[in-house]
N, C-alpha and C. Protein backbone atom coordinates (compact mmCIF):
# COMPACT_ATOMS: atom_id res chain seq x y z
N VAL A 1 0.96 -1.23 -0.16
CA VAL A 1 -0.10 -0.08 -0.16
C VAL A 1 0.76 1.40 0.12
N ILE A 2 1.83 1.47 0.60
CA ILE A 2 2.73 2.32 0.32
C ILE A 2 3.70 2.53 -0.46
N PHE A 3 3.73 1.88 -1.41
CA PHE A 3 4.50 1.88 -2.86
C PHE A 3 3.37 2.73 -3.51
N LYS A 4 1.99 2.53 -3.48
CA LYS A 4 0.99 3.04 -4.40
C LYS A 4 1.31 4.41 -4.17
N LEU A 5 1.08 4.78 -2.98
CA LEU A 5 1.24 6.26 -2.60
C LEU A 5 2.29 7.23 -3.20
N ILE A 6 3.73 6.31 -3.02
CA ILE A 6 4.83 6.81 -3.25
C ILE A 6 5.08 7.37 -5.07
N ASP A 7 3.83 6.54 -5.69
CA ASP A 7 4.21 6.12 -7.33
C ASP A 7 3.81 7.54 -7.41
N PHE A 8 2.96 8.27 -6.78
CA PHE A 8 2.75 10.17 -6.93
C PHE A 8 3.42 10.99 -7.10
N ILE A 9 4.55 10.55 -6.33
CA ILE A 9 5.73 11.59 -5.83
C ILE A 9 6.64 11.56 -7.09
N MET A 10 6.89 12.09 -7.83
CA MET A 10 8.11 12.09 -9.07
C MET A 10 9.15 12.83 -8.99
N CYS A 11 10.01 12.44 -8.69
CA CYS A 11 11.66 13.28 -8.43
C CYS A 11 11.37 13.89 -9.34
N LYS A 12 12.00 15.30 -8.70
CA LYS A 12 12.64 16.73 -10.20
C LYS A 12 14.02 17.08 -10.04
N HIS A 13 14.56 16.04 -9.22
CA HIS A 13 15.97 15.87 -9.60
C HIS A 13 16.49 15.18 -10.44
N ILE A 14 16.26 13.26 -10.17
CA ILE A 14 16.52 12.76 -10.76
C ILE A 14 15.72 12.20 -11.37
N LEU A 15 15.47 12.47 -12.59
CA LEU A 15 14.14 12.27 -13.87
C LEU A 15 14.41 10.70 -13.99
N ASN A 16 15.34 10.06 -14.52
CA ASN A 16 15.31 8.74 -14.56
C ASN A 16 15.60 7.72 -13.49
N ALA A 17 14.86 8.28 -12.31
CA ALA A 17 15.10 7.62 -10.99
C ALA A 17 14.32 5.96 -10.98
N GLN A 18 15.37 4.90 -10.68
CA GLN A 18 14.91 3.23 -11.26
C GLN A 18 14.72 3.35 -9.31
N THR A 19 14.99 3.55 -8.63
CA THR A 19 14.80 3.00 -7.15
C THR A 19 13.87 4.34 -6.36
N TYR A 20 13.48 3.84 -5.05
CA TYR A 20 13.03 4.21 -3.97
C TYR A 20 14.30 4.22 -2.60
N ILE A 21 13.91 5.14 -1.74
CA ILE A 21 15.89 5.00 -1.27
C ILE A 21 15.01 5.25 0.28
N ARG A 22 15.43 4.28 1.21
CA ARG A 22 14.87 4.79 2.48
C ARG A 22 16.03 5.42 3.22
N ALA A 23 15.35 6.46 3.92
CA ALA A 23 16.47 7.18 4.88
C ALA A 23 16.60 6.87 6.04
N PRO A 24 17.54 6.63 6.23
CA PRO A 24 17.98 5.72 7.60
C PRO A 24 17.63 6.62 8.92
N CYS A 25 17.54 7.77 8.38
CA CYS A 25 17.26 8.73 9.78
C CYS A 25 15.69 8.79 10.25
N CYS A 26 14.92 9.06 9.35
CA CYS A 26 13.65 8.66 9.33
C CYS A 26 12.91 7.22 9.28
N MET A 27 13.55 6.49 8.61
CA MET A 27 12.86 5.11 7.96
C MET A 27 11.89 5.63 6.80
N ARG A 28 11.61 6.37 6.39
CA ARG A 28 10.83 6.78 5.39
C ARG A 28 11.30 7.17 3.87
N TRP A 29 10.87 6.63 3.17
CA TRP A 29 10.67 6.60 1.19
C TRP A 29 10.86 7.55 0.91
N PHE A 30 11.97 7.84 0.07
CA PHE A 30 12.14 8.95 -1.10
C PHE A 30 12.47 8.36 -2.24
N GLU A 31 12.50 9.34 -3.50
CA GLU A 31 13.42 8.87 -4.46
C GLU A 31 14.24 9.53 -4.74
N CYS A 32 14.83 10.56 -3.66
CA CYS A 32 16.55 10.76 -3.47
C CYS A 32 16.92 11.65 -2.39
N ALA A 33 17.82 11.95 -2.26
CA ALA A 33 18.38 12.07 -0.85
C ALA A 33 17.87 14.16 -1.06
N GLU A 34 17.93 14.44 -2.22
CA GLU A 34 17.07 16.03 -2.36
C GLU A 34 15.96 15.85 -1.69
N CYS A 35 15.16 14.87 -2.28
CA CYS A 35 13.76 14.86 -1.84
C CYS A 35 13.40 14.49 -0.69
N HIS A 36 14.09 13.87 -0.04
CA HIS A 36 14.11 14.04 1.64
C HIS A 36 14.19 15.31 2.17
N ASP A 37 15.95 15.79 1.42
CA ASP A 37 16.01 17.46 2.22
C ASP A 37 14.53 18.13 2.34
N GLU A 38 14.24 18.10 0.91
CA GLU A 38 12.74 19.23 0.37
C GLU A 38 11.68 18.92 1.33
N ARG A 39 11.35 17.44 1.95
CA ARG A 39 10.21 16.77 2.52
C ARG A 39 10.17 17.10 3.82
N GLU A 40 11.64 16.81 4.11
CA GLU A 40 11.75 16.95 6.16
C GLU A 40 12.55 18.00 6.84
N PRO A 41 11.89 19.15 6.89
CA PRO A 41 12.19 20.49 7.16
C PRO A 41 13.52 19.94 8.61
N THR A 42 12.78 19.00 9.18
CA THR A 42 13.85 19.26 10.63
C THR A 42 14.61 18.34 11.04
N HIS A 43 15.47 17.39 9.50
CA HIS A 43 16.63 16.97 9.97
C HIS A 43 17.09 16.98 8.14
N LYS A 44 18.46 16.65 7.63
CA LYS A 44 18.87 16.53 6.36
C LYS A 44 19.15 15.16 6.42
N PHE A 45 19.42 14.50 5.25
CA PHE A 45 19.31 13.15 4.89
C PHE A 45 20.81 12.51 5.62
N GLN A 46 20.87 11.38 6.37
CA GLN A 46 21.73 10.75 6.84
C GLN A 46 22.23 10.22 5.90
N HIS A 47 23.82 9.25 5.57
CA HIS A 47 23.89 8.54 4.44
C HIS A 47 24.60 7.82 5.88
N SER A 48 24.43 6.44 5.31
CA SER A 48 24.82 5.38 5.85
C SER A 48 25.79 4.10 4.81
N LYS A 49 26.68 3.50 5.35
CA LYS A 49 26.98 2.40 4.67
C LYS A 49 26.41 1.83 4.05
N ILE A 50 25.21 1.24 4.44
CA ILE A 50 24.63 0.34 3.57
C ILE A 50 23.08 1.15 4.26
N LEU A 51 22.51 1.01 2.71
CA LEU A 51 20.96 1.48 2.09
C LEU A 51 20.12 0.76 1.58
N ARG A 52 18.99 0.66 2.09
CA ARG A 52 17.88 0.11 1.47
C ARG A 52 16.93 0.28 0.28
N PHE A 53 16.58 -0.24 -0.85
CA PHE A 53 16.22 0.43 -2.09
C PHE A 53 15.15 -0.35 -2.11
N VAL A 54 14.22 0.18 -3.07
CA VAL A 54 13.06 -0.37 -4.12
C VAL A 54 13.05 -0.47 -5.05
N CYS A 55 12.95 -1.69 -5.96
CA CYS A 55 13.15 -1.52 -7.12
C CYS A 55 11.96 -0.85 -7.99
N LYS A 56 11.82 0.16 -8.64
CA LYS A 56 10.60 0.71 -9.48
C LYS A 56 9.82 -0.58 -10.25
N VAL A 57 10.99 -1.37 -10.49
CA VAL A 57 10.55 -2.43 -11.54
C VAL A 57 9.30 -3.86 -10.81
N CYS A 58 10.73 -4.09 -10.26
CA CYS A 58 9.62 -5.45 -9.74
C CYS A 58 9.04 -5.33 -8.21
N ARG A 59 8.96 -3.97 -7.87
CA ARG A 59 8.88 -3.58 -5.94
C ARG A 59 9.37 -4.54 -4.92
N LYS A 60 10.51 -4.77 -5.48
CA LYS A 60 10.95 -5.89 -4.32
C LYS A 60 12.53 -4.63 -3.42
N CYS A 61 12.67 -4.66 -2.55
CA CYS A 61 13.58 -4.42 -1.98
C CYS A 61 15.43 -5.08 -1.93
N PHE A 62 16.39 -4.35 -1.38
CA PHE A 62 17.46 -4.87 -1.41
C PHE A 62 18.42 -3.95 -0.45
N ASP A 63 19.17 -4.14 -0.08
CA ASP A 63 20.09 -3.65 0.09
C ASP A 63 21.58 -3.38 -0.45
N ARG A 64 22.02 -2.12 -0.49
CA ARG A 64 23.74 -2.01 -0.73
C ARG A 64 24.65 -1.44 0.04
N ASP A 65 25.41 -2.40 0.32
CA ASP A 65 26.65 -1.86 0.97
C ASP A 65 27.64 -0.78 0.30
N PHE A 66 27.90 0.26 0.34
CA PHE A 66 28.83 1.21 -0.30
C PHE A 66 29.74 1.47 0.10
N THR A 67 30.26 0.35 1.35
CA THR A 67 31.72 0.40 1.32
C THR A 67 32.23 -0.19 0.84
N ILE A 68 31.98 -1.57 -0.19
CA ILE A 68 32.31 -2.44 -1.15
C ILE A 68 31.12 -2.33 -2.44
N PHE A 69 31.68 -1.75 -3.43
CA PHE A 69 30.35 -1.63 -4.24
C PHE A 69 31.16 -2.11 -5.67
N PRO A 70 31.02 -3.47 -5.76
CA PRO A 70 31.11 -3.85 -7.62
C PRO A 70 30.75 -3.17 -8.31
N ASP A 71 30.84 -3.70 -9.75
CA ASP A 71 29.85 -3.54 -10.85
C ASP A 71 28.49 -4.40 -10.79
N SER A 72 28.86 -5.24 -10.21
CA SER A 72 27.39 -6.05 -10.24
C SER A 72 26.12 -6.26 -9.48
N ASP A 73 26.56 -4.63 -8.44
CA ASP A 73 25.96 -4.15 -7.41
C ASP A 73 24.81 -3.26 -8.02
N MET A 74 25.10 -3.16 -9.64
CA MET A 74 24.22 -1.60 -10.09
C MET A 74 22.76 -2.17 -10.76
N GLU A 75 22.88 -3.33 -10.48
CA GLU A 75 21.27 -4.37 -10.65
C GLU A 75 20.71 -4.60 -9.47
N CYS A 76 19.23 -4.61 -9.74
CA CYS A 76 18.33 -5.15 -9.04
C CYS A 76 18.92 -6.65 -8.57
N ASP A 77 18.28 -7.19 -7.32
CA ASP A 77 19.00 -8.82 -7.42
C ASP A 77 18.20 -9.40 -7.57
N PHE A 78 16.88 -8.96 -7.82
CA PHE A 78 15.59 -9.67 -8.62
C PHE A 78 15.36 -9.72 -9.60
N CYS A 79 14.86 -8.67 -10.27
CA CYS A 79 14.68 -8.25 -12.02
C CYS A 79 16.00 -8.11 -12.73
N HIS A 80 17.13 -7.94 -12.08
CA HIS A 80 18.36 -7.32 -13.04
C HIS A 80 18.08 -5.78 -13.70
N ASN A 81 17.19 -5.14 -12.98
CA ASN A 81 16.86 -3.82 -13.77
C ASN A 81 18.56 -2.62 -13.41
N LEU A 82 19.07 -2.75 -14.23
CA LEU A 82 19.55 -1.50 -13.78
C LEU A 82 19.63 -0.18 -13.38
N TRP A 83 19.67 -0.32 -12.42
CA TRP A 83 19.45 0.71 -10.92
C TRP A 83 20.49 2.18 -10.96
N CYS A 84 21.36 1.94 -11.16
CA CYS A 84 22.15 2.52 -11.12
C CYS A 84 22.89 3.15 -12.49
N LEU A 85 22.18 4.22 -12.97
CA LEU A 85 22.19 4.87 -14.01
C LEU A 85 22.93 6.31 -13.37
N PRO A 86 23.20 6.91 -14.88
CA PRO A 86 24.11 8.67 -14.92
C PRO A 86 22.72 8.86 -14.61
N ALA A 87 22.40 10.18 -13.77
CA ALA A 87 21.56 10.68 -13.34
C ALA A 87 20.77 11.59 -14.84
N ILE A 88 19.50 11.49 -14.98
CA ILE A 88 19.02 13.15 -15.76
C ILE A 88 18.73 13.94 -15.27
N THR A 89 19.18 14.78 -14.97
CA THR A 89 18.45 16.11 -14.11
C THR A 89 17.54 16.90 -15.06
N PRO A 90 17.04 17.72 -14.73
CA PRO A 90 16.49 19.10 -15.34
C PRO A 90 17.37 19.70 -16.05
N GLU A 91 18.25 19.95 -14.97
CA GLU A 91 19.27 20.52 -16.46
C GLU A 91 19.65 20.42 -17.51
N SER A 92 20.31 18.59 -17.14
CA SER A 92 21.00 18.36 -18.77
C SER A 92 19.56 17.76 -19.56
N LYS A 93 18.19 17.88 -19.20
CA LYS A 93 17.41 17.63 -20.45
C LYS A 93 17.20 18.78 -20.81
N ILE A 94 17.36 20.12 -19.98
CA ILE A 94 16.97 21.47 -21.09
C ILE A 94 18.26 21.52 -21.55
N TYR A 95 19.32 21.61 -21.30
CA TYR A 95 20.25 21.62 -22.37
C TYR A 95 20.66 20.67 -23.44
N GLU A 96 20.08 19.57 -23.25
CA GLU A 96 19.66 18.48 -24.82
C GLU A 96 18.25 18.89 -25.46
N GLU A 97 17.51 19.53 -24.84
CA GLU A 97 16.46 20.39 -25.34
C GLU A 97 17.13 21.00 -26.22
N CYS A 98 17.85 22.30 -25.62
CA CYS A 98 18.45 23.32 -26.29
C CYS A 98 19.34 23.16 -27.51
N ASN A 99 19.75 22.14 -27.48
CA ASN A 99 20.91 21.55 -28.20
C ASN A 99 20.13 20.97 -29.49
N PHE A 100 19.19 20.58 -29.27
CA PHE A 100 18.62 19.71 -30.20
C PHE A 100 17.66 20.74 -30.88
N MET A 101 17.11 22.00 -30.63
CA MET A 101 16.32 22.88 -30.97
C MET A 101 17.30 23.74 -31.70
N LEU A 102 18.35 24.11 -31.30
CA LEU A 102 20.13 24.92 -32.00
C LEU A 102 19.94 24.09 -33.59
N ASP A 103 20.12 22.23 -33.29
CA ASP A 103 20.27 21.61 -34.57
C ASP A 103 19.82 21.78 -35.34
N GLN A 104 18.21 21.91 -34.79
CA GLN A 104 17.09 22.08 -36.17
C GLN A 104 16.98 23.17 -36.57
N TYR A 105 17.47 24.62 -35.89
CA TYR A 105 17.84 25.64 -36.83
C TYR A 105 18.63 25.55 -37.43
N LEU A 106 19.58 25.00 -36.98
CA LEU A 106 21.06 25.23 -38.10
C LEU A 106 20.79 24.42 -39.39
N GLN A 107 19.77 23.39 -39.32
CA GLN A 107 19.96 22.76 -40.43
C GLN A 107 18.81 23.12 -41.18
N ALA A 108 17.62 24.16 -40.54
CA ALA A 108 17.01 24.84 -41.43
C ALA A 108 17.43 25.84 -41.91
N MET A 109 18.65 26.59 -41.28
CA MET A 109 19.38 27.64 -42.20
C MET A 109 20.42 26.72 -43.60
N LEU A 110 20.96 25.91 -43.35
CA LEU A 110 21.47 25.23 -44.24
C LEU A 110 20.51 24.73 -45.34
N ASN A 111 19.59 24.44 -45.18
CA ASN A 111 18.50 23.53 -46.22
C ASN A 111 18.37 25.36 -47.13
N GLU A 112 18.09 26.46 -46.15
CA GLU A 112 17.67 27.63 -47.18
C GLU A 112 18.91 28.33 -47.54
N THR A 113 19.96 28.27 -47.07
CA THR A 113 21.51 28.64 -48.05
C THR A 113 21.37 27.70 -49.21
N ASN A 114 21.05 26.42 -49.13
CA ASN A 114 21.63 25.06 -50.18
C ASN A 114 20.39 25.60 -51.06
N GLU A 115 19.17 25.70 -50.94
CA GLU A 115 18.42 26.31 -51.84
C GLU A 115 18.49 27.79 -52.94
N PHE A 116 18.82 28.65 -51.93
CA PHE A 116 19.26 29.88 -52.62
C PHE A 116 20.43 29.84 -53.67
N PHE A 117 21.41 28.40 -53.14
CA PHE A 117 22.34 28.36 -53.97
C PHE A 117 21.97 27.58 -55.49
N MET A 118 20.74 26.73 -55.46
CA MET A 118 20.45 26.12 -56.28
C MET A 118 19.68 26.90 -57.04
N LYS A 119 19.65 27.91 -57.02
CA LYS A 119 18.89 28.97 -57.81
C LYS A 119 19.05 29.97 -58.82
N ILE A 120 20.52 29.98 -58.19
CA ILE A 120 21.72 31.25 -59.32
C ILE A 120 22.20 30.10 -60.33
N PRO A 121 21.65 30.60 -61.31
CA PRO A 121 22.09 29.74 -63.23
C PRO A 121 23.89 29.66 -62.99
N GLU A 122 23.92 28.60 -63.39
CA GLU A 122 25.41 28.49 -63.55
C GLU A 122 25.81 29.14 -64.99
N LYS A 123 27.21 29.47 -65.24
CA LYS A 123 27.49 30.54 -66.19
C LYS A 123 28.05 29.21 -67.42
């Protein structure tokens, strides 16, 4: 039941979050440490050596020991979903969209330039 309620809260810091994380300080679930700090005004997220996660794909809990973190620990123990991904943040998304719009604009300008030179008669 608790995970149904959490699903409605989207993380605005990590847009491709694959897990929920349980804060060791208050034992509540959040999508990231920054979400915790925004929603818990009384204290900050306290990192620990071992953190508990819930996979968003299979909804099963797993723990990770961050004192030893091999590459095999980057996927869910149950469904093997890759949960440790490079974060897509709002800033990176805006950068990506701006680059796309700039590419579209430059392509349109190049097409107009090519059309202009196509209309010039050859001697």
